[in-house]
Amino acid sequence: MLESMTSEQIAEWYEYYILEPWGERSEWLRTGILASMVGNASPNKRKGKPFVPEDFMPREIASGKKQKKQTHVQLLAAKDRLMERFKKTGQLKNG
């Protein structure tokens, strides 16, 4: 797929992912939000402590939130390194 994409297209997809992430974490988060809403609307025995989405997510996925977050600058630098690697190997057109 990368062979048929321009560097501008890759950059656009990267920027879109920053705004609207997709993948396993976002899917579990969406499910956790719904489950926590249902749980908080029902009487529970948590003594006033509301459910949060992470209560309904697998631990390894929920813990991603607790890991050190990368800054936007670090993400852009990583993207630039990746683009350079594709350019050197000839896998990137128009870049």
Protein backbone atom coordinates (compact mmCIF):
# COMPACT_ATOMS: atom_id res chain seq x y z
CA MET A 1 0.00 0.00 0.00
CA LEU A 2 2.82 2.42 0.81
CA GLU A 3 4.17 1.97 -2.68
CA SER A 4 1.08 3.57 -4.14
CA MET A 5 0.84 6.46 -1.65
CA THR A 6 2.51 9.84 -1.93
CA SER A 7 4.27 11.40 1.04
CA GLU A 8 1.47 13.95 1.21
CA GLN A 9 -1.11 11.17 1.52
CA ILE A 10 0.86 9.49 4.30
CA ALA A 11 1.13 12.81 6.13
CA GLU A 12 -2.62 13.38 5.75
CA TRP A 13 -3.42 9.95 7.16
CA TYR A 14 -1.03 10.58 10.05
CA GLU A 15 -2.70 13.90 10.86
CA TYR A 16 -6.14 12.27 10.64
CA TYR A 17 -5.03 9.56 13.10
CA ILE A 18 -3.89 12.26 15.54
CA LEU A 19 -7.38 13.81 15.39
CA GLU A 20 -9.42 10.59 15.21
CA PRO A 21 -7.43 7.58 16.46
CA TRP A 22 -8.55 4.15 15.35
CA GLY A 23 -7.57 0.67 16.40
CA GLU A 24 -7.97 -1.62 19.36
CA ARG A 25 -7.59 0.97 22.15
CA SER A 26 -10.22 3.31 20.72
CA GLU A 27 -12.60 0.38 20.19
CA TRP A 28 -12.23 -0.77 23.80
CA LEU A 29 -12.57 2.80 25.03
CA ARG A 30 -15.84 3.19 23.15
CA THR A 31 -17.13 -0.04 24.71
CA GLY A 32 -15.91 1.03 28.15
CA ILE A 33 -17.70 4.37 27.87
CA LEU A 34 -20.99 2.66 27.09
CA ALA A 35 -20.56 0.06 29.82
CA SER A 36 -19.65 2.68 32.44
CA MET A 37 -22.71 4.74 31.49
CA VAL A 38 -24.96 1.71 31.96
CA GLY A 39 -23.20 0.80 35.20
CA ASN A 40 -23.50 4.31 36.59
CA ALA A 41 -27.20 4.48 35.70
CA SER A 42 -27.87 1.27 37.65
CA PRO A 43 -27.75 0.99 41.43
CA ASN A 44 -24.40 -0.47 42.42
CA LYS A 45 -22.55 -1.47 45.55
CA ARG A 46 -19.47 0.68 44.94
CA LYS A 47 -20.55 3.14 47.64
CA GLY A 48 -20.82 6.18 45.42
CA LYS A 49 -17.65 5.54 43.42
CA PRO A 50 -18.66 5.86 39.75
CA PHE A 51 -17.49 3.45 37.11
CA VAL A 52 -14.95 4.72 34.58
CA PRO A 53 -14.40 3.31 31.07
CA GLU A 54 -11.13 1.67 32.14
CA ASP A 55 -13.10 -0.52 34.57
CA PHE A 56 -14.46 -2.36 31.52
CA MET A 57 -11.28 -2.55 29.42
CA PRO A 58 -8.56 -5.23 29.43
CA ARG A 59 -5.80 -4.14 31.83
CA GLU A 60 -3.03 -4.05 29.26
CA ILE A 61 -5.09 -1.76 27.02
CA ALA A 62 -6.40 0.43 29.83
CA SER A 63 -2.89 0.84 31.21
CA GLY A 64 -1.82 2.50 27.96
CA LYS A 65 -3.32 5.65 29.41
CA LYS A 66 -0.97 5.46 32.37
CA GLN A 67 2.14 5.15 30.25
CA LYS A 68 4.20 8.22 29.48
CA LYS A 69 2.46 10.06 26.68
CA GLN A 70 4.48 11.15 23.70
CA THR A 71 4.41 14.81 22.84
CA HIS A 72 3.23 15.97 19.46
CA VAL A 73 6.82 16.97 18.61
CA GLN A 74 8.05 13.44 19.39
CA LEU A 75 5.34 11.95 17.19
CA LEU A 76 6.23 14.25 14.30
CA ALA A 77 9.92 13.39 14.68
CA ALA A 78 9.07 9.67 14.59
CA LYS A 79 6.96 10.23 11.46
CA ASP A 80 9.83 12.10 9.80
CA ARG A 81 12.27 9.27 10.59
CA LEU A 82 9.83 6.75 9.12
CA MET A 83 9.33 8.82 5.97
CA GLU A 84 13.12 9.14 5.52
CA ARG A 85 13.48 5.38 5.83
CA PHE A 86 10.86 4.83 3.13
CA LYS A 87 12.55 7.38 0.87
CA LYS A 88 15.94 5.68 1.25
CA THR A 89 14.50 2.27 0.38
CA GLY A 90 12.55 3.66 -2.57
CA GLN A 91 9.20 2.64 -1.09
CA LEU A 92 7.86 6.21 -1.08
CA LYS A 93 6.78 8.02 -4.23
CA ASN A 94 6.77 11.81 -4.63
CA GLY A 95 8.62 12.28 -1.39
